Amino acid sequence: MKNTDIERVIANMGDAGCSRTDIERVRNLHEAGFDDEIIKCLRRCRCDLIEELHRNQRRVDCLDHLIRAAENLG
């Protein structure tokens, strides 16, 4: 992977909400020549974001339930 490509990947990782630790890990993997490992790291980041999405969805579902319950009080 070219240096300009990895810089774009790193910039997009920040935009995607990846942690600084993961961003630094990708940079280090690239510098060490382990570009194949970058895909694994990106997939882990994606899984973390999906888990966060699911946690937030459960919170929204809970709030929806509370709203319905509060509407039925009146």
PDB file of N, CA and C in Angstrom:
ATOM      1  N   MET A   1       0.847  -1.169   0.000  1.00  0.00           N
ATOM      2  CA  MET A   1       0.000   0.000   0.000  1.00  0.00           C
ATOM      3  C   MET A   1       0.892   1.231   0.000  1.00  0.00           C
ATOM      4  N   LYS A   2       0.562   2.202  -0.838  1.00  0.00           N
ATOM      5  CA  LYS A   2       1.352   3.425  -0.918  1.00  0.00           C
ATOM      6  C   LYS A   2       1.093   4.300   0.307  1.00  0.00           C
ATOM      7  N   ASN A   3       2.061   5.144   0.610  1.00  0.00           N
ATOM      8  CA  ASN A   3       1.934   6.026   1.773  1.00  0.00           C
ATOM      9  C   ASN A   3       0.730   6.956   1.656  1.00  0.00           C
ATOM     10  N   THR A   4       0.444   7.449   0.440  1.00  0.00           N
ATOM     11  CA  THR A   4      -0.727   8.316   0.283  1.00  0.00           C
ATOM     12  C   THR A   4      -2.015   7.539   0.544  1.00  0.00           C
ATOM     13  N   ASP A   5      -2.034   6.278   0.172  1.00  0.00           N
ATOM     14  CA  ASP A   5      -3.211   5.446   0.427  1.00  0.00           C
ATOM     15  C   ASP A   5      -3.412   5.223   1.918  1.00  0.00           C
ATOM     16  N   ILE A   6      -2.339   4.916   2.625  1.00  0.00           N
ATOM     17  CA  ILE A   6      -2.468   4.641   4.055  1.00  0.00           C
ATOM     18  C   ILE A   6      -2.885   5.901   4.804  1.00  0.00           C
ATOM     19  N   GLU A   7      -2.431   7.051   4.354  1.00  0.00           N
ATOM     20  CA  GLU A   7      -2.844   8.306   5.005  1.00  0.00           C
ATOM     21  C   GLU A   7      -4.333   8.541   4.812  1.00  0.00           C
ATOM     22  N   ARG A   8      -4.860   8.190   3.651  1.00  0.00           N
ATOM     23  CA  ARG A   8      -6.309   8.308   3.418  1.00  0.00           C
ATOM     24  C   ARG A   8      -7.077   7.327   4.293  1.00  0.00           C
ATOM     25  N   VAL A   9      -6.553   6.110   4.408  1.00  0.00           N
ATOM     26  CA  VAL A   9      -7.193   5.109   5.271  1.00  0.00           C
ATOM     27  C   VAL A   9      -7.221   5.618   6.705  1.00  0.00           C
ATOM     28  N   ILE A  10      -6.112   6.141   7.174  1.00  0.00           N
ATOM     29  CA  ILE A  10      -6.019   6.621   8.549  1.00  0.00           C
ATOM     30  C   ILE A  10      -6.965   7.800   8.780  1.00  0.00           C
ATOM     31  N   ALA A  11      -7.035   8.721   7.833  1.00  0.00           N
ATOM     32  CA  ALA A  11      -7.952   9.859   7.957  1.00  0.00           C
ATOM     33  C   ALA A  11      -9.397   9.371   8.014  1.00  0.00           C
ATOM     34  N   ASN A  12      -9.729   8.401   7.191  1.00  0.00           N
ATOM     35  CA  ASN A  12     -11.092   7.868   7.181  1.00  0.00           C
ATOM     36  C   ASN A  12     -11.403   7.077   8.437  1.00  0.00           C
ATOM     37  N   MET A  13     -10.405   6.442   9.019  1.00  0.00           N
ATOM     38  CA  MET A  13     -10.626   5.723  10.276  1.00  0.00           C
ATOM     39  C   MET A  13     -11.078   6.692  11.356  1.00  0.00           C
ATOM     40  N   GLY A  14     -10.448   7.844  11.399  1.00  0.00           N
ATOM     41  CA  GLY A  14     -10.864   8.857  12.374  1.00  0.00           C
ATOM     42  C   GLY A  14     -12.288   9.301  12.118  1.00  0.00           C
ATOM     43  N   ASP A  15     -12.628   9.531  10.854  1.00  0.00           N
ATOM     44  CA  ASP A  15     -13.990   9.923  10.497  1.00  0.00           C
ATOM     45  C   ASP A  15     -14.998   8.836  10.858  1.00  0.00           C
ATOM     46  N   ALA A  16     -14.575   7.580  10.791  1.00  0.00           N
ATOM     47  CA  ALA A  16     -15.456   6.453  11.081  1.00  0.00           C
ATOM     48  C   ALA A  16     -15.599   6.196  12.575  1.00  0.00           C
ATOM     49  N   GLY A  17     -14.822   6.883  13.382  1.00  0.00           N
ATOM     50  CA  GLY A  17     -14.937   6.724  14.826  1.00  0.00           C
ATOM     51  C   GLY A  17     -14.017   5.673  15.417  1.00  0.00           C
ATOM     52  N   CYS A  18     -13.021   5.252  14.675  1.00  0.00           N
ATOM     53  CA  CYS A  18     -12.055   4.284  15.210  1.00  0.00           C
ATOM     54  C   CYS A  18     -11.222   4.963  16.296  1.00  0.00           C
ATOM     55  N   SER A  19     -10.770   4.174  17.242  1.00  0.00           N
ATOM     56  CA  SER A  19      -9.990   4.720  18.353  1.00  0.00           C
ATOM     57  C   SER A  19      -8.602   5.152  17.884  1.00  0.00           C
ATOM     58  N   ARG A  20      -8.007   6.014  18.662  1.00  0.00           N
ATOM     59  CA  ARG A  20      -6.626   6.443  18.368  1.00  0.00           C
ATOM     60  C   ARG A  20      -5.677   5.250  18.423  1.00  0.00           C
ATOM     61  N   THR A  21      -5.973   4.330  19.322  1.00  0.00           N
ATOM     62  CA  THR A  21      -5.149   3.129  19.452  1.00  0.00           C
ATOM     63  C   THR A  21      -5.186   2.322  18.161  1.00  0.00           C
ATOM     64  N   ASP A  22      -6.373   2.129  17.604  1.00  0.00           N
ATOM     65  CA  ASP A  22      -6.495   1.375  16.359  1.00  0.00           C
ATOM     66  C   ASP A  22      -5.854   2.110  15.187  1.00  0.00           C
ATOM     67  N   ILE A  23      -6.000   3.414  15.173  1.00  0.00           N
ATOM     68  CA  ILE A  23      -5.376   4.208  14.102  1.00  0.00           C
ATOM     69  C   ILE A  23      -3.863   4.070  14.172  1.00  0.00           C
ATOM     70  N   GLU A  24      -3.318   4.168  15.367  1.00  0.00           N
ATOM     71  CA  GLU A  24      -1.866   4.027  15.530  1.00  0.00           C
ATOM     72  C   GLU A  24      -1.421   2.608  15.182  1.00  0.00           C
ATOM     73  N   ARG A  25      -2.243   1.623  15.539  1.00  0.00           N
ATOM     74  CA  ARG A  25      -1.920   0.231  15.206  1.00  0.00           C
ATOM     75  C   ARG A  25      -1.823   0.057  13.683  1.00  0.00           C
ATOM     76  N   VAL A  26      -2.763   0.633  12.949  1.00  0.00           N
ATOM     77  CA  VAL A  26      -2.733   0.539  11.480  1.00  0.00           C
ATOM     78  C   VAL A  26      -1.487   1.218  10.929  1.00  0.00           C
ATOM     79  N   ARG A  27      -1.164   2.370  11.464  1.00  0.00           N
ATOM     80  CA  ARG A  27       0.047   3.075  11.007  1.00  0.00           C
ATOM     81  C   ARG A  27       1.288   2.209  11.254  1.00  0.00           C
ATOM     82  N   ASN A  28       1.371   1.616  12.439  1.00  0.00           N
ATOM     83  CA  ASN A  28       2.523   0.773  12.780  1.00  0.00           C
ATOM     84  C   ASN A  28       2.575  -0.482  11.921  1.00  0.00           C
ATOM     85  N   LEU A  29       1.415  -1.079  11.663  1.00  0.00           N
ATOM     86  CA  LEU A  29       1.377  -2.264  10.793  1.00  0.00           C
ATOM     87  C   LEU A  29       1.885  -1.924   9.400  1.00  0.00           C
ATOM     88  N   HIS A  30       1.468  -0.780   8.884  1.00  0.00           N
ATOM     89  CA  HIS A  30       1.924  -0.360   7.557  1.00  0.00           C
ATOM     90  C   HIS A  30       3.433  -0.125   7.548  1.00  0.00           C
ATOM     91  N   GLU A  31       3.912   0.566   8.557  1.00  0.00           N
ATOM     92  CA  GLU A  31       5.353   0.862   8.620  1.00  0.00           C
ATOM     93  C   GLU A  31       6.176  -0.413   8.741  1.00  0.00           C
ATOM     94  N   ALA A  32       5.616  -1.435   9.383  1.00  0.00           N
ATOM     95  CA  ALA A  32       6.321  -2.704   9.543  1.00  0.00           C
ATOM     96  C   ALA A  32       6.143  -3.621   8.339  1.00  0.00           C
ATOM     97  N   GLY A  33       5.320  -3.181   7.368  1.00  0.00           N
ATOM     98  CA  GLY A  33       5.129  -3.987   6.161  1.00  0.00           C
ATOM     99  C   GLY A  33       4.060  -5.062   6.296  1.00  0.00           C
ATOM    100  N   PHE A  34       3.211  -4.966   7.311  1.00  0.00           N
ATOM    101  CA  PHE A  34       2.166  -5.958   7.535  1.00  0.00           C
ATOM    102  C   PHE A  34       0.811  -5.452   7.037  1.00  0.00           C
ATOM    103  N   ASP A  35       0.771  -5.065   5.773  1.00  0.00           N
ATOM    104  CA  ASP A  35      -0.456  -4.505   5.218  1.00  0.00           C
ATOM    105  C   ASP A  35      -1.620  -5.492   5.266  1.00  0.00           C
ATOM    106  N   ASP A  36      -1.356  -6.794   5.203  1.00  0.00           N
ATOM    107  CA  ASP A  36      -2.435  -7.784   5.291  1.00  0.00           C
ATOM    108  C   ASP A  36      -3.136  -7.725   6.649  1.00  0.00           C
ATOM    109  N   GLU A  37      -2.404  -7.374   7.680  1.00  0.00           N
ATOM    110  CA  GLU A  37      -2.980  -7.290   9.026  1.00  0.00           C
ATOM    111  C   GLU A  37      -3.887  -6.070   9.183  1.00  0.00           C
ATOM    112  N   ILE A  38      -3.710  -5.086   8.307  1.00  0.00           N
ATOM    113  CA  ILE A  38      -4.540  -3.879   8.375  1.00  0.00           C
ATOM    114  C   ILE A  38      -6.008  -4.242   8.169  1.00  0.00           C
ATOM    115  N   ILE A  39      -6.282  -5.145   7.246  1.00  0.00           N
ATOM    116  CA  ILE A  39      -7.659  -5.574   6.988  1.00  0.00           C
ATOM    117  C   ILE A  39      -8.259  -6.176   8.253  1.00  0.00           C
ATOM    118  N   LYS A  40      -7.520  -7.005   8.945  1.00  0.00           N
ATOM    119  CA  LYS A  40      -8.016  -7.613  10.184  1.00  0.00           C
ATOM    120  C   LYS A  40      -8.334  -6.541  11.224  1.00  0.00           C
ATOM    121  N   CYS A  41      -7.459  -5.560  11.334  1.00  0.00           N
ATOM    122  CA  CYS A  41      -7.673  -4.485  12.287  1.00  0.00           C
ATOM    123  C   CYS A  41      -8.921  -3.680  11.919  1.00  0.00           C
ATOM    124  N   LEU A  42      -9.089  -3.384  10.649  1.00  0.00           N
ATOM    125  CA  LEU A  42     -10.275  -2.639  10.200  1.00  0.00           C
ATOM    126  C   LEU A  42     -11.549  -3.437  10.458  1.00  0.00           C
ATOM    127  N   ARG A  43     -11.490  -4.732  10.273  1.00  0.00           N
ATOM    128  CA  ARG A  43     -12.668  -5.571  10.542  1.00  0.00           C
ATOM    129  C   ARG A  43     -13.005  -5.579  12.031  1.00  0.00           C
ATOM    130  N   ARG A  44     -11.977  -5.587  12.881  1.00  0.00           N
ATOM    131  CA  ARG A  44     -12.226  -5.511  14.322  1.00  0.00           C
ATOM    132  C   ARG A  44     -12.880  -4.177  14.686  1.00  0.00           C
ATOM    133  N   CYS A  45     -12.399  -3.105  14.066  1.00  0.00           N
ATOM    134  CA  CYS A  45     -12.987  -1.787  14.305  1.00  0.00           C
ATOM    135  C   CYS A  45     -14.456  -1.787  13.890  1.00  0.00           C
ATOM    136  N   ARG A  46     -14.740  -2.412  12.762  1.00  0.00           N
ATOM    137  CA  ARG A  46     -16.112  -2.483  12.282  1.00  0.00           C
ATOM    138  C   ARG A  46     -16.991  -3.256  13.263  1.00  0.00           C
ATOM    139  N   CYS A  47     -16.486  -4.363  13.757  1.00  0.00           N
ATOM    140  CA  CYS A  47     -17.236  -5.155  14.737  1.00  0.00           C
ATOM    141  C   CYS A  47     -17.514  -4.343  15.996  1.00  0.00           C
ATOM    142  N   ASP A  48     -16.522  -3.579  16.443  1.00  0.00           N
ATOM    143  CA  ASP A  48     -16.718  -2.736  17.624  1.00  0.00           C
ATOM    144  C   ASP A  48     -17.822  -1.710  17.378  1.00  0.00           C
ATOM    145  N   LEU A  49     -17.826  -1.112  16.191  1.00  0.00           N
ATOM    146  CA  LEU A  49     -18.858  -0.122  15.866  1.00  0.00           C
ATOM    147  C   LEU A  49     -20.235  -0.765  15.778  1.00  0.00           C
ATOM    148  N   ILE A  50     -20.312  -1.970  15.234  1.00  0.00           N
ATOM    149  CA  ILE A  50     -21.591  -2.683  15.145  1.00  0.00           C
ATOM    150  C   ILE A  50     -22.101  -3.000  16.554  1.00  0.00           C
ATOM    151  N   GLU A  51     -21.216  -3.430  17.445  1.00  0.00           N
ATOM    152  CA  GLU A  51     -21.618  -3.701  18.827  1.00  0.00           C
ATOM    153  C   GLU A  51     -22.140  -2.436  19.500  1.00  0.00           C
ATOM    154  N   GLU A  52     -21.476  -1.313  19.250  1.00  0.00           N
ATOM    155  CA  GLU A  52     -21.928  -0.040  19.811  1.00  0.00           C
ATOM    156  C   GLU A  52     -23.300   0.331  19.241  1.00  0.00           C
ATOM    157  N   LEU A  53     -23.485   0.106  17.954  1.00  0.00           N
ATOM    158  CA  LEU A  53     -24.776   0.352  17.315  1.00  0.00           C
ATOM    159  C   LEU A  53     -25.875  -0.464  17.986  1.00  0.00           C
ATOM    160  N   HIS A  54     -25.610  -1.734  18.240  1.00  0.00           N
ATOM    161  CA  HIS A  54     -26.597  -2.603  18.872  1.00  0.00           C
ATOM    162  C   HIS A  54     -26.900  -2.145  20.303  1.00  0.00           C
ATOM    163  N   ARG A  55     -25.874  -1.736  21.045  1.00  0.00           N
ATOM    164  CA  ARG A  55     -26.092  -1.217  22.402  1.00  0.00           C
ATOM    165  C   ARG A  55     -26.999   0.011  22.367  1.00  0.00           C
ATOM    166  N   ASN A  56     -26.711   0.902  21.425  1.00  0.00           N
ATOM    167  CA  ASN A  56     -27.521   2.113  21.311  1.00  0.00           C
ATOM    168  C   ASN A  56     -28.940   1.797  20.856  1.00  0.00           C
ATOM    169  N   GLN A  57     -29.101   0.804  19.992  1.00  0.00           N
ATOM    170  CA  GLN A  57     -30.441   0.412  19.563  1.00  0.00           C
ATOM    171  C   GLN A  57     -31.251  -0.113  20.742  1.00  0.00           C
ATOM    172  N   ARG A  58     -30.604  -0.889  21.612  1.00  0.00           N
ATOM    173  CA  ARG A  58     -31.305  -1.376  22.807  1.00  0.00           C
ATOM    174  C   ARG A  58     -31.722  -0.209  23.702  1.00  0.00           C
ATOM    175  N   ARG A  59     -30.899   0.810  23.800  1.00  0.00           N
ATOM    176  CA  ARG A  59     -31.241   1.991  24.596  1.00  0.00           C
ATOM    177  C   ARG A  59     -32.433   2.729  23.994  1.00  0.00           C
ATOM    178  N   VAL A  60     -32.432   2.863  22.672  1.00  0.00           N
ATOM    179  CA  VAL A  60     -33.553   3.516  21.991  1.00  0.00           C
ATOM    180  C   VAL A  60     -34.828   2.707  22.205  1.00  0.00           C
ATOM    181  N   ASP A  61     -34.725   1.394  22.095  1.00  0.00           N
ATOM    182  CA  ASP A  61     -35.886   0.535  22.334  1.00  0.00           C
ATOM    183  C   ASP A  61     -36.424   0.726  23.752  1.00  0.00           C
ATOM    184  N   CYS A  62     -35.535   0.838  24.708  1.00  0.00           N
ATOM    185  CA  CYS A  62     -35.932   1.048  26.099  1.00  0.00           C
ATOM    186  C   CYS A  62     -36.647   2.390  26.245  1.00  0.00           C
ATOM    187  N   LEU A  63     -36.105   3.422  25.635  1.00  0.00           N
ATOM    188  CA  LEU A  63     -36.746   4.736  25.691  1.00  0.00           C
ATOM    189  C   LEU A  63     -38.113   4.710  25.014  1.00  0.00           C
ATOM    190  N   ASP A  64     -38.235   4.014  23.904  1.00  0.00           N
ATOM    191  CA  ASP A  64     -39.535   3.884  23.242  1.00  0.00           C
ATOM    192  C   ASP A  64     -40.546   3.248  24.180  1.00  0.00           C
ATOM    193  N   HIS A  65     -40.114   2.227  24.894  1.00  0.00           N
ATOM    194  CA  HIS A  65     -40.995   1.561  25.858  1.00  0.00           C
ATOM    195  C   HIS A  65     -41.411   2.537  26.964  1.00  0.00           C
ATOM    196  N   LEU A  66     -40.431   3.299  27.480  1.00  0.00           N
ATOM    197  CA  LEU A  66     -40.740   4.266  28.529  1.00  0.00           C
ATOM    198  C   LEU A  66     -41.700   5.343  28.038  1.00  0.00           C
ATOM    199  N   ILE A  67     -41.524   5.793  26.814  1.00  0.00           N
ATOM    200  CA  ILE A  67     -42.420   6.803  26.237  1.00  0.00           C
ATOM    201  C   ILE A  67     -43.848   6.259  26.152  1.00  0.00           C
ATOM    202  N   ARG A  68     -43.978   5.033  25.649  1.00  0.00           N
ATOM    203  CA  ARG A  68     -45.321   4.421  25.544  1.00  0.00           C
ATOM    204  C   ARG A  68     -45.946   4.264  26.932  1.00  0.00           C
ATOM    205  N   ALA A  69     -45.138   3.844  27.900  1.00  0.00           N
ATOM    206  CA  ALA A  69     -45.641   3.670  29.251  1.00  0.00           C
ATOM    207  C   ALA A  69     -46.078   5.012  29.832  1.00  0.00           C
ATOM    208  N   ALA A  70     -45.295   6.057  29.614  1.00  0.00           N
ATOM    209  CA  ALA A  70     -45.634   7.392  30.127  1.00  0.00           C
ATOM    210  C   ALA A  70     -46.886   7.938  29.453  1.00  0.00           C
ATOM    211  N   GLU A  71     -47.052   7.671  28.176  1.00  0.00           N
ATOM    212  CA  GLU A  71     -48.255   8.130  27.462  1.00  0.00           C
ATOM    213  C   GLU A  71     -49.504   7.458  28.010  1.00  0.00           C
ATOM    214  N   ASN A  72     -49.368   6.226  28.480  1.00  0.00           N
ATOM    215  CA  ASN A  72     -50.513   5.481  29.004  1.00  0.00           C
ATOM    216  C   ASN A  72     -50.855   5.887  30.443  1.00  0.00           C
ATOM    217  N   LEU A  73     -49.994   6.637  31.112  1.00  0.00           N
ATOM    218  CA  LEU A  73     -50.264   7.093  32.475  1.00  0.00           C
ATOM    219  C   LEU A  73     -51.360   8.146  32.493  1.00  0.00           C
ATOM    220  N   GLY A  74     -51.414   8.943  31.440  1.00  0.00           N
ATOM    221  CA  GLY A  74     -52.355  10.075  31.404  1.00  0.00           C
ATOM    222  C   GLY A  74     -53.670   9.668  30.962  1.00  0.00           C
TER     223      GLY A  74
END
